[in-house]
PDB file of N, CA and C in Angstrom:
ATOM      1  N   UNK A   1       1.551  18.084   4.358  1.00  0.00           N
ATOM      2  CA  UNK A   1       0.583  17.146   3.707  1.00  0.00           C
ATOM      3  C   UNK A   1      -0.716  17.518   4.311  1.00  0.00           C
ATOM      4  N   UNK A   2      -1.785  17.596   3.814  1.00  0.00           N
ATOM      5  CA  UNK A   2      -3.128  18.103   4.136  1.00  0.00           C
ATOM      6  C   UNK A   2      -3.559  17.142   5.504  1.00  0.00           C
ATOM      7  N   UNK A   3      -4.547  17.820   6.213  1.00  0.00           N
ATOM      8  CA  UNK A   3      -5.102  17.153   7.141  1.00  0.00           C
ATOM      9  C   UNK A   3      -5.696  15.858   6.807  1.00  0.00           C
ATOM     10  N   UNK A   4      -5.488  14.843   7.704  1.00  0.00           N
ATOM     11  CA  UNK A   4      -5.878  13.532   7.305  1.00  0.00           C
ATOM     12  C   UNK A   4      -5.133  12.711   6.532  1.00  0.00           C
ATOM     13  N   UNK A   5      -3.796  13.208   6.121  1.00  0.00           N
ATOM     14  CA  UNK A   5      -2.787  12.548   5.402  1.00  0.00           C
ATOM     15  C   UNK A   5      -2.158  11.476   5.931  1.00  0.00           C
ATOM     16  N   UNK A   6      -1.868  10.409   5.133  1.00  0.00           N
ATOM     17  CA  UNK A   6      -1.286   9.128   5.586  1.00  0.00           C
ATOM     18  C   UNK A   6      -0.098   8.850   4.668  1.00  0.00           C
ATOM     19  N   UNK A   7       1.201   8.504   5.349  1.00  0.00           N
ATOM     20  CA  UNK A   7       1.918   7.866   4.733  1.00  0.00           C
ATOM     21  C   UNK A   7       2.275   6.456   4.990  1.00  0.00           C
ATOM     22  N   UNK A   8       2.247   5.554   3.674  1.00  0.00           N
ATOM     23  CA  UNK A   8       2.471   4.134   4.211  1.00  0.00           C
ATOM     24  C   UNK A   8       3.733   4.077   3.491  1.00  0.00           C
ATOM     25  N   UNK A   9       4.662   3.174   4.324  1.00  0.00           N
ATOM     26  CA  UNK A   9       5.984   3.024   3.972  1.00  0.00           C
ATOM     27  C   UNK A   9       6.036   1.587   3.711  1.00  0.00           C
ATOM     28  N   UNK A  10       6.882   1.315   2.391  1.00  0.00           N
ATOM     29  CA  UNK A  10       7.210   0.164   1.827  1.00  0.00           C
ATOM     30  C   UNK A  10       8.666  -0.228   1.841  1.00  0.00           C
ATOM     31  N   UNK A  11       8.909  -1.557   1.822  1.00  0.00           N
ATOM     32  CA  UNK A  11      10.426  -1.711   1.879  1.00  0.00           C
ATOM     33  C   UNK A  11      10.562  -2.966   1.179  1.00  0.00           C
ATOM     34  N   UNK A  12      11.309  -3.070   0.278  1.00  0.00           N
ATOM     35  CA  UNK A  12      11.781  -4.125  -0.870  1.00  0.00           C
ATOM     36  C   UNK A  12      12.903  -4.624  -0.626  1.00  0.00           C
ATOM     37  N   UNK A  13      12.990  -6.214  -0.876  1.00  0.00           N
ATOM     38  CA  UNK A  13      14.137  -6.939  -0.931  1.00  0.00           C
ATOM     39  C   UNK A  13      15.034  -6.266  -2.463  1.00  0.00           C
ATOM     40  N   UNK A  14      16.270  -7.029  -2.132  1.00  0.00           N
ATOM     41  CA  UNK A  14      16.990  -6.711  -3.400  1.00  0.00           C
ATOM     42  C   UNK A  14      16.374  -7.192  -4.575  1.00  0.00           C
ATOM     43  N   UNK A  15      15.801  -8.325  -4.705  1.00  0.00           N
ATOM     44  CA  UNK A  15      15.310  -8.648  -5.846  1.00  0.00           C
ATOM     45  C   UNK A  15      13.899  -7.967  -6.461  1.00  0.00           C
ATOM     46  N   UNK A  16      13.502  -7.103  -5.715  1.00  0.00           N
ATOM     47  CA  UNK A  16      12.191  -6.194  -5.985  1.00  0.00           C
ATOM     48  C   UNK A  16      10.972  -6.672  -5.183  1.00  0.00           C
ATOM     49  N   UNK A  17      10.896  -7.761  -4.218  1.00  0.00           N
ATOM     50  CA  UNK A  17       9.774  -8.072  -3.601  1.00  0.00           C
ATOM     51  C   UNK A  17       9.546  -7.314  -2.622  1.00  0.00           C
ATOM     52  N   UNK A  18       8.147  -7.219  -2.333  1.00  0.00           N
ATOM     53  CA  UNK A  18       7.712  -6.372  -1.183  1.00  0.00           C
ATOM     54  C   UNK A  18       8.066  -7.324   0.141  1.00  0.00           C
ATOM     55  N   UNK A  19       8.740  -6.752   1.326  1.00  0.00           N
ATOM     56  CA  UNK A  19       9.030  -7.416   2.500  1.00  0.00           C
ATOM     57  C   UNK A  19       8.113  -6.739   3.729  1.00  0.00           C
ATOM     58  N   UNK A  20       8.099  -5.315   3.482  1.00  0.00           N
ATOM     59  CA  UNK A  20       7.344  -4.529   4.722  1.00  0.00           C
ATOM     60  C   UNK A  20       6.578  -3.729   3.869  1.00  0.00           C
ATOM     61  N   UNK A  21       5.214  -3.601   4.532  1.00  0.00           N
ATOM     62  CA  UNK A  21       4.420  -2.408   4.005  1.00  0.00           C
ATOM     63  C   UNK A  21       3.385  -2.176   5.257  1.00  0.00           C
ATOM     64  N   UNK A  22       3.223  -0.767   5.562  1.00  0.00           N
ATOM     65  CA  UNK A  22       2.404  -0.264   6.436  1.00  0.00           C
ATOM     66  C   UNK A  22       0.677  -0.375   6.013  1.00  0.00           C
ATOM     67  N   UNK A  23      -0.033  -0.303   7.225  1.00  0.00           N
ATOM     68  CA  UNK A  23      -1.468  -0.359   6.904  1.00  0.00           C
ATOM     69  C   UNK A  23      -2.024  -1.707   6.236  1.00  0.00           C
ATOM     70  N   UNK A  24      -1.166  -2.822   6.503  1.00  0.00           N
ATOM     71  CA  UNK A  24      -1.712  -4.066   5.369  1.00  0.00           C
ATOM     72  C   UNK A  24      -2.882  -4.627   6.453  1.00  0.00           C
ATOM     73  N   UNK A  25      -3.910  -4.908   5.554  1.00  0.00           N
ATOM     74  CA  UNK A  25      -5.186  -5.679   6.320  1.00  0.00           C
ATOM     75  C   UNK A  25      -4.653  -7.182   6.686  1.00  0.00           C
ATOM     76  N   UNK A  26      -5.082  -7.595   7.687  1.00  0.00           N
ATOM     77  CA  UNK A  26      -4.723  -9.006   8.050  1.00  0.00           C
ATOM     78  C   UNK A  26      -5.165 -10.096   7.295  1.00  0.00           C
ATOM     79  N   UNK A  27      -4.466 -10.819   7.125  1.00  0.00           N
ATOM     80  CA  UNK A  27      -4.473 -12.090   6.023  1.00  0.00           C
ATOM     81  C   UNK A  27      -4.130 -11.667   4.505  1.00  0.00           C
ATOM     82  N   UNK A  28      -3.341 -10.456   4.157  1.00  0.00           N
ATOM     83  CA  UNK A  28      -3.295 -10.356   3.286  1.00  0.00           C
ATOM     84  C   UNK A  28      -1.825  -9.834   3.034  1.00  0.00           C
ATOM     85  N   UNK A  29      -0.863 -10.448   2.132  1.00  0.00           N
ATOM     86  CA  UNK A  29       0.354 -10.624   1.921  1.00  0.00           C
ATOM     87  C   UNK A  29       0.898  -9.085   1.606  1.00  0.00           C
ATOM     88  N   UNK A  30       2.227  -9.047   1.828  1.00  0.00           N
ATOM     89  CA  UNK A  30       2.569  -7.689   1.562  1.00  0.00           C
ATOM     90  C   UNK A  30       2.666  -7.095   0.420  1.00  0.00           C
ATOM     91  N   UNK A  31       2.831  -8.396  -0.734  1.00  0.00           N
ATOM     92  CA  UNK A  31       3.140  -7.899  -2.149  1.00  0.00           C
ATOM     93  C   UNK A  31       1.587  -7.714  -2.868  1.00  0.00           C
ATOM     94  N   UNK A  32       0.620  -8.432  -2.045  1.00  0.00           N
ATOM     95  CA  UNK A  32      -0.985  -8.242  -2.770  1.00  0.00           C
ATOM     96  C   UNK A  32      -1.329  -6.591  -2.162  1.00  0.00           C
ATOM     97  N   UNK A  33      -0.983  -6.307  -1.198  1.00  0.00           N
ATOM     98  CA  UNK A  33      -1.529  -4.931  -0.527  1.00  0.00           C
ATOM     99  C   UNK A  33      -0.681  -3.909  -1.448  1.00  0.00           C
ATOM    100  N   UNK A  34       0.686  -4.040  -1.591  1.00  0.00           N
ATOM    101  CA  UNK A  34       1.408  -3.243  -2.420  1.00  0.00           C
ATOM    102  C   UNK A  34       0.700  -2.976  -3.927  1.00  0.00           C
ATOM    103  N   UNK A  35       0.332  -4.180  -4.655  1.00  0.00           N
ATOM    104  CA  UNK A  35      -0.538  -4.313  -5.702  1.00  0.00           C
ATOM    105  C   UNK A  35      -1.549  -3.467  -5.567  1.00  0.00           C
ATOM    106  N   UNK A  36      -2.505  -3.600  -4.685  1.00  0.00           N
ATOM    107  CA  UNK A  36      -3.839  -2.826  -4.443  1.00  0.00           C
ATOM    108  C   UNK A  36      -3.245  -1.505  -4.381  1.00  0.00           C
ATOM    109  N   UNK A  37      -2.523  -0.954  -3.713  1.00  0.00           N
ATOM    110  CA  UNK A  37      -2.235   0.350  -3.458  1.00  0.00           C
ATOM    111  C   UNK A  37      -1.787   0.943  -4.984  1.00  0.00           C
ATOM    112  N   UNK A  38      -0.761   0.367  -5.640  1.00  0.00           N
ATOM    113  CA  UNK A  38      -0.176   0.582  -6.779  1.00  0.00           C
ATOM    114  C   UNK A  38      -1.451   0.792  -7.774  1.00  0.00           C
ATOM    115  N   UNK A  39      -2.358  -0.083  -7.722  1.00  0.00           N
ATOM    116  CA  UNK A  39      -3.571  -0.015  -8.775  1.00  0.00           C
ATOM    117  C   UNK A  39      -4.345   1.238  -8.213  1.00  0.00           C
ATOM    118  N   UNK A  40      -4.597   1.648  -7.057  1.00  0.00           N
ATOM    119  CA  UNK A  40      -5.571   2.330  -6.518  1.00  0.00           C
ATOM    120  C   UNK A  40      -4.890   3.980  -6.362  1.00  0.00           C
ATOM    121  N   UNK A  41      -3.523   3.917  -6.067  1.00  0.00           N
ATOM    122  CA  UNK A  41      -2.970   5.288  -5.621  1.00  0.00           C
ATOM    123  C   UNK A  41      -1.432   5.379  -6.289  1.00  0.00           C
ATOM    124  N   UNK A  42      -1.589   4.648  -7.459  1.00  0.00           N
ATOM    125  CA  UNK A  42      -0.205   4.678  -8.066  1.00  0.00           C
ATOM    126  C   UNK A  42       0.410   6.098  -8.115  1.00  0.00           C
ATOM    127  N   UNK A  43      -0.295   7.071  -8.547  1.00  0.00           N
ATOM    128  CA  UNK A  43       0.353   8.459  -8.786  1.00  0.00           C
ATOM    129  C   UNK A  43       0.655   8.963  -7.516  1.00  0.00           C
ATOM    130  N   UNK A  44       0.297   8.367  -6.340  1.00  0.00           N
ATOM    131  CA  UNK A  44       0.652   8.908  -4.947  1.00  0.00           C
ATOM    132  C   UNK A  44       1.888   8.395  -4.383  1.00  0.00           C
ATOM    133  N   UNK A  45       2.802   7.385  -5.287  1.00  0.00           N
ATOM    134  CA  UNK A  45       3.802   6.660  -4.631  1.00  0.00           C
ATOM    135  C   UNK A  45       4.932   7.543  -4.878  1.00  0.00           C
ATOM    136  N   UNK A  46       6.020   7.468  -4.298  1.00  0.00           N
ATOM    137  CA  UNK A  46       7.280   8.158  -4.167  1.00  0.00           C
ATOM    138  C   UNK A  46       8.297   7.244  -3.800  1.00  0.00           C
ATOM    139  N   UNK A  47       9.073   6.919  -4.584  1.00  0.00           N
ATOM    140  CA  UNK A  47      10.265   5.661  -4.520  1.00  0.00           C
ATOM    141  C   UNK A  47      11.312   6.697  -3.830  1.00  0.00           C
ATOM    142  N   UNK A  48      12.092   6.049  -2.868  1.00  0.00           N
ATOM    143  CA  UNK A  48      13.148   6.429  -2.047  1.00  0.00           C
ATOM    144  C   UNK A  48      14.329   5.711  -2.355  1.00  0.00           C
ATOM    145  N   UNK A  49      15.281   6.185  -1.905  1.00  0.00           N
ATOM    146  CA  UNK A  49      16.571   5.185  -1.757  1.00  0.00           C
ATOM    147  C   UNK A  49      16.500   4.201  -0.735  1.00  0.00           C
ATOM    148  N   UNK A  50      17.522   3.162  -0.910  1.00  0.00           N
ATOM    149  CA  UNK A  50      17.749   2.252  -0.292  1.00  0.00           C
ATOM    150  C   UNK A  50      16.315   0.971  -0.329  1.00  0.00           C
ATOM    151  N   UNK A  51      15.684   1.004  -1.386  1.00  0.00           N
ATOM    152  CA  UNK A  51      14.715  -0.064  -1.589  1.00  0.00           C
ATOM    153  C   UNK A  51      13.521   0.165  -0.565  1.00  0.00           C
ATOM    154  N   UNK A  52      13.277   1.528  -0.652  1.00  0.00           N
ATOM    155  CA  UNK A  52      12.005   2.043   0.129  1.00  0.00           C
ATOM    156  C   UNK A  52      11.308   3.009  -0.947  1.00  0.00           C
ATOM    157  N   UNK A  53      10.045   3.180  -0.327  1.00  0.00           N
ATOM    158  CA  UNK A  53       8.925   3.961  -1.125  1.00  0.00           C
ATOM    159  C   UNK A  53       7.919   4.318   0.023  1.00  0.00           C
ATOM    160  N   UNK A  54       6.974   5.431  -0.534  1.00  0.00           N
ATOM    161  CA  UNK A  54       5.925   5.692   0.486  1.00  0.00           C
ATOM    162  C   UNK A  54       4.591   5.787  -0.466  1.00  0.00           C
ATOM    163  N   UNK A  55       3.566   5.588   0.183  1.00  0.00           N
ATOM    164  CA  UNK A  55       2.511   6.298  -0.509  1.00  0.00           C
ATOM    165  C   UNK A  55       1.886   7.474   0.172  1.00  0.00           C
ATOM    166  N   UNK A  56       1.076   8.465  -0.349  1.00  0.00           N
ATOM    167  CA  UNK A  56       0.870   9.478   0.328  1.00  0.00           C
ATOM    168  C   UNK A  56      -0.585   9.500  -0.075  1.00  0.00           C
ATOM    169  N   UNK A  57      -1.479   9.148   0.989  1.00  0.00           N
ATOM    170  CA  UNK A  57      -2.968   8.823   0.684  1.00  0.00           C
ATOM    171  C   UNK A  57      -3.583   9.225   1.965  1.00  0.00           C
ATOM    172  N   UNK A  58      -4.925   9.269   1.913  1.00  0.00           N
ATOM    173  CA  UNK A  58      -5.747   9.868   3.183  1.00  0.00           C
ATOM    174  C   UNK A  58      -6.396   8.697   4.045  1.00  0.00           C
ATOM    175  N   UNK A  59      -6.577   8.489   5.212  1.00  0.00           N
ATOM    176  CA  UNK A  59      -6.935   7.583   6.106  1.00  0.00           C
ATOM    177  C   UNK A  59      -8.401   7.108   5.257  1.00  0.00           C
ATOM    178  N   UNK A  60      -9.213   8.178   4.914  1.00  0.00           N
ATOM    179  CA  UNK A  60     -10.495   7.290   4.359  1.00  0.00           C
ATOM    180  C   UNK A  60     -10.080   6.622   3.139  1.00  0.00           C
ATOM    181  N   UNK A  61      -9.293   6.966   2.276  1.00  0.00           N
ATOM    182  CA  UNK A  61      -9.225   5.935   0.915  1.00  0.00           C
ATOM    183  C   UNK A  61      -8.369   4.516   1.817  1.00  0.00           C
ATOM    184  N   UNK A  62      -7.403   4.654   2.426  1.00  0.00           N
ATOM    185  CA  UNK A  62      -7.055   3.458   2.914  1.00  0.00           C
ATOM    186  C   UNK A  62      -8.194   2.386   3.729  1.00  0.00           C
ATOM    187  N   UNK A  63      -9.019   3.160   4.379  1.00  0.00           N
ATOM    188  CA  UNK A  63     -10.126   2.440   5.202  1.00  0.00           C
ATOM    189  C   UNK A  63     -11.074   1.811   3.978  1.00  0.00           C
ATOM    190  N   UNK A  64     -11.361   2.598   2.947  1.00  0.00           N
ATOM    191  CA  UNK A  64     -12.351   1.913   1.990  1.00  0.00           C
ATOM    192  C   UNK A  64     -11.684   0.820   1.191  1.00  0.00           C
ATOM    193  N   UNK A  65     -10.251   0.993   0.681  1.00  0.00           N
ATOM    194  CA  UNK A  65      -9.572   0.018   0.251  1.00  0.00           C
ATOM    195  C   UNK A  65      -9.446  -1.333   1.065  1.00  0.00           C
ATOM    196  N   UNK A  66      -9.338  -1.034   2.290  1.00  0.00           N
ATOM    197  CA  UNK A  66      -9.038  -2.377   3.102  1.00  0.00           C
ATOM    198  C   UNK A  66     -10.653  -3.048   3.225  1.00  0.00           C
ATOM    199  N   UNK A  67     -11.714  -2.331   3.120  1.00  0.00           N
ATOM    200  CA  UNK A  67     -12.835  -2.873   3.362  1.00  0.00           C
ATOM    201  C   UNK A  67     -13.227  -3.560   1.918  1.00  0.00           C
ATOM    202  N   UNK A  68     -12.662  -3.099   0.771  1.00  0.00           N
ATOM    203  CA  UNK A  68     -12.818  -3.597  -0.508  1.00  0.00           C
ATOM    204  C   UNK A  68     -12.061  -4.812  -0.725  1.00  0.00           C
ATOM    205  N   UNK A  69     -11.237  -5.578   0.251  1.00  0.00           N
ATOM    206  CA  UNK A  69     -10.549  -6.446  -0.019  1.00  0.00           C
ATOM    207  C   UNK A  69     -11.378  -7.712  -0.265  1.00  0.00           C
ATOM    208  N   UNK A  70     -11.144  -8.597  -0.943  1.00  0.00           N
ATOM    209  CA  UNK A  70     -11.662  -9.978  -1.176  1.00  0.00           C
ATOM    210  C   UNK A  70     -11.111 -10.910  -0.292  1.00  0.00           C
ATOM    211  N   UNK A  71     -11.900 -12.006  -0.225  1.00  0.00           N
ATOM    212  CA  UNK A  71     -11.619 -13.324   0.599  1.00  0.00           C
ATOM    213  C   UNK A  71     -10.105 -13.723   0.111  1.00  0.00           C
ATOM    214  N   UNK A  72      -9.821 -13.475  -1.132  1.00  0.00           N
ATOM    215  CA  UNK A  72      -8.303 -14.105  -1.598  1.00  0.00           C
ATOM    216  C   UNK A  72      -7.261 -13.008  -1.614  1.00  0.00           C
ATOM    217  N   UNK A  73      -7.550 -11.643  -1.031  1.00  0.00           N
ATOM    218  CA  UNK A  73      -6.632 -10.748  -1.114  1.00  0.00           C
ATOM    219  C   UNK A  73      -6.772  -9.815  -2.390  1.00  0.00           C
ATOM    220  N   UNK A  74      -7.534 -10.031  -3.300  1.00  0.00           N
ATOM    221  CA  UNK A  74      -7.732  -9.173  -4.435  1.00  0.00           C
ATOM    222  C   UNK A  74      -8.372  -7.945  -4.223  1.00  0.00           C
ATOM    223  N   UNK A  75      -8.181  -6.869  -4.791  1.00  0.00           N
ATOM    224  CA  UNK A  75      -9.011  -5.780  -4.822  1.00  0.00           C
ATOM    225  C   UNK A  75     -10.389  -6.322  -5.384  1.00  0.00           C
ATOM    226  N   UNK A  76     -11.381  -5.554  -4.649  1.00  0.00           N
ATOM    227  CA  UNK A  76     -12.708  -5.512  -5.159  1.00  0.00           C
ATOM    228  C   UNK A  76     -12.928  -4.359  -6.436  1.00  0.00           C
ATOM    229  N   UNK A  77     -13.643  -4.859  -7.235  1.00  0.00           N
ATOM    230  CA  UNK A  77     -13.886  -3.833  -8.359  1.00  0.00           C
ATOM    231  C   UNK A  77     -14.918  -2.774  -8.008  1.00  0.00           C
TER     232      UNK A  77
END
């Protein structure tokens, strides 16, 4: 992975809901953060076996998306 690369791990429940996700901003649900990452970096997502997956992104991207979080947890445009 390139310098500054970051792996964000995701874990799903059997019904497909997100139960755990890395780098989640405080006050944001796991599902909402997954939705933001899917919208912003969907092409960087890699599904794994066992109800898991990873996003391959950069620290700069994640920091920008975190600061773009609105009070309701939705991504800012």
